[in-house]
Amino acid sequence: MTDVRLFHDRTPGVEEYEPTASYLSYTAGLGLAVLLTIVSFVVSQTNLLWPPGVPVGLIVLAFAQIGVHLVFFLHLGSGPESTNNILALAFGVLVVFLVIAGSIWIIANLNWNMMEIPR
């Protein structure tokens, strides 16, 4: 039985039996990453967005940048061969979230009165 993979299950630039991406895929990823970086600087330095919406716009652009890196450079797709990579990525995100949330929780609950230096 042959391994039948659908076109939409592969990352962009990866042919049916090609293990790595092509030069065109890396170039497209680089172009998108540079474009998103430039747009982030433009959004933060101009009045293009309503001032309270700038942080939200930058967060959206940051997630887009992460998506470009995952798809074009790390070749993370939705196919069955990427299952372990997706689980490893999810575990890494969970660990980072727990470290950040735990640090915020600890800092928020510090008893600052006990930290005064006695005279």
Protein backbone atom coordinates (compact mmCIF):
# COMPACT_ATOMS: atom_id res chain seq x y z
CA MET A 1 0.00 0.00 0.00
CA THR A 2 1.40 3.40 -0.93
CA ASP A 3 1.51 6.44 1.29
CA VAL A 4 -1.14 8.75 -0.12
CA ARG A 5 -0.87 12.31 1.14
CA LEU A 6 -3.21 15.08 0.15
CA PHE A 7 -1.85 18.38 -1.14
CA HIS A 8 -3.30 20.41 1.72
CA ASP A 9 -1.57 18.22 4.32
CA ARG A 10 1.90 19.38 3.28
CA THR A 11 3.67 22.55 4.24
CA PRO A 12 4.10 25.11 1.44
CA GLY A 13 6.97 24.30 -0.89
CA VAL A 14 7.24 20.62 0.08
CA GLU A 15 6.54 18.31 -2.83
CA GLU A 16 4.83 14.95 -2.45
CA TYR A 17 7.97 12.86 -1.84
CA GLU A 18 10.40 15.64 -1.00
CA PRO A 19 11.61 15.54 2.63
CA THR A 20 12.65 19.19 2.79
CA ALA A 21 11.33 22.44 1.44
CA SER A 22 12.55 24.18 -1.68
CA TYR A 23 14.45 27.41 -2.16
CA LEU A 24 11.17 29.10 -3.12
CA SER A 25 9.58 28.15 0.21
CA TYR A 26 12.42 29.62 2.24
CA THR A 27 12.42 32.77 0.10
CA ALA A 28 8.65 33.22 0.54
CA GLY A 29 9.01 32.70 4.30
CA LEU A 30 11.83 35.22 4.50
CA GLY A 31 9.82 37.74 2.48
CA LEU A 32 6.77 37.34 4.72
CA ALA A 33 8.88 37.55 7.90
CA VAL A 34 10.58 40.75 6.72
CA LEU A 35 7.25 42.23 5.62
CA LEU A 36 5.62 41.48 9.00
CA THR A 37 8.61 42.99 10.80
CA ILE A 38 8.41 46.18 8.74
CA VAL A 39 4.64 46.40 9.29
CA SER A 40 5.19 46.02 13.06
CA PHE A 41 7.61 48.94 13.08
CA VAL A 42 5.28 51.05 10.95
CA VAL A 43 2.31 50.31 13.22
CA SER A 44 4.27 51.19 16.36
CA GLN A 45 5.89 54.37 15.02
CA THR A 46 2.97 55.98 13.16
CA ASN A 47 -0.65 56.88 13.84
CA LEU A 48 -1.87 54.21 11.44
CA LEU A 49 -3.92 52.53 14.19
CA TRP A 50 -6.06 54.05 16.90
CA PRO A 51 -3.57 54.50 19.80
CA PRO A 52 -5.27 52.07 22.25
CA GLY A 53 -5.36 49.46 19.45
CA VAL A 54 -1.61 49.49 18.80
CA PRO A 55 -0.79 46.77 21.39
CA VAL A 56 -3.52 44.54 19.98
CA GLY A 57 -2.24 45.11 16.44
CA LEU A 58 1.30 44.25 17.50
CA ILE A 59 0.11 41.08 19.22
CA VAL A 60 -1.74 40.01 16.06
CA LEU A 61 1.35 40.69 13.96
CA ALA A 62 3.50 38.74 16.45
CA PHE A 63 1.23 35.70 16.14
CA ALA A 64 1.35 36.01 12.36
CA GLN A 65 5.15 36.11 12.56
CA ILE A 66 5.14 32.96 14.72
CA GLY A 67 2.89 31.24 12.19
CA VAL A 68 5.20 32.15 9.30
CA HIS A 69 8.21 30.77 11.16
CA LEU A 70 6.43 27.55 12.11
CA VAL A 71 5.17 26.84 8.59
CA PHE A 72 7.96 28.08 6.34
CA PHE A 73 11.09 27.48 8.43
CA LEU A 74 10.19 24.68 10.84
CA HIS A 75 7.91 22.98 8.24
CA LEU A 76 5.22 22.31 10.80
CA GLY A 77 2.16 21.13 8.91
CA SER A 78 -1.09 19.41 9.67
CA GLY A 79 -0.12 16.06 8.17
CA PRO A 80 0.21 12.85 10.17
CA GLU A 81 4.03 13.03 10.06
CA SER A 82 3.96 16.30 12.02
CA THR A 83 2.02 14.98 15.02
CA ASN A 84 5.09 14.59 17.25
CA ASN A 85 6.36 18.05 16.31
CA ILE A 86 3.00 19.63 17.11
CA LEU A 87 2.84 17.85 20.48
CA ALA A 88 6.40 18.97 21.30
CA LEU A 89 5.49 22.55 20.37
CA ALA A 90 2.33 22.40 22.51
CA PHE A 91 4.32 21.09 25.47
CA GLY A 92 6.90 23.86 25.05
CA VAL A 93 4.16 26.49 24.96
CA LEU A 94 2.61 24.97 28.10
CA VAL A 95 5.93 25.08 29.97
CA VAL A 96 6.56 28.71 28.97
CA PHE A 97 3.01 29.65 30.00
CA LEU A 98 3.40 27.94 33.39
CA VAL A 99 6.72 29.68 34.06
CA ILE A 100 5.35 33.11 33.14
CA ALA A 101 2.03 32.62 34.99
CA GLY A 102 3.81 31.24 38.06
CA SER A 103 6.25 34.14 38.12
CA ILE A 104 3.42 36.67 37.85
CA TRP A 105 1.49 34.88 40.60
CA ILE A 106 4.49 34.84 42.94
CA ILE A 107 5.36 38.48 42.30
CA ALA A 108 1.73 39.57 42.75
CA ASN A 109 1.52 37.83 46.14
CA LEU A 110 4.76 39.07 47.66
CA ASN A 111 4.43 40.60 51.07
CA TRP A 112 6.34 43.82 50.51
CA ASN A 113 6.08 44.85 54.19
CA MET A 114 8.37 42.00 55.23
CA MET A 115 11.00 43.06 52.74
CA GLU A 116 11.79 46.39 54.39
CA ILE A 117 15.31 46.84 55.61
CA PRO A 118 15.44 47.28 59.42
CA ARG A 119 17.08 50.46 60.65
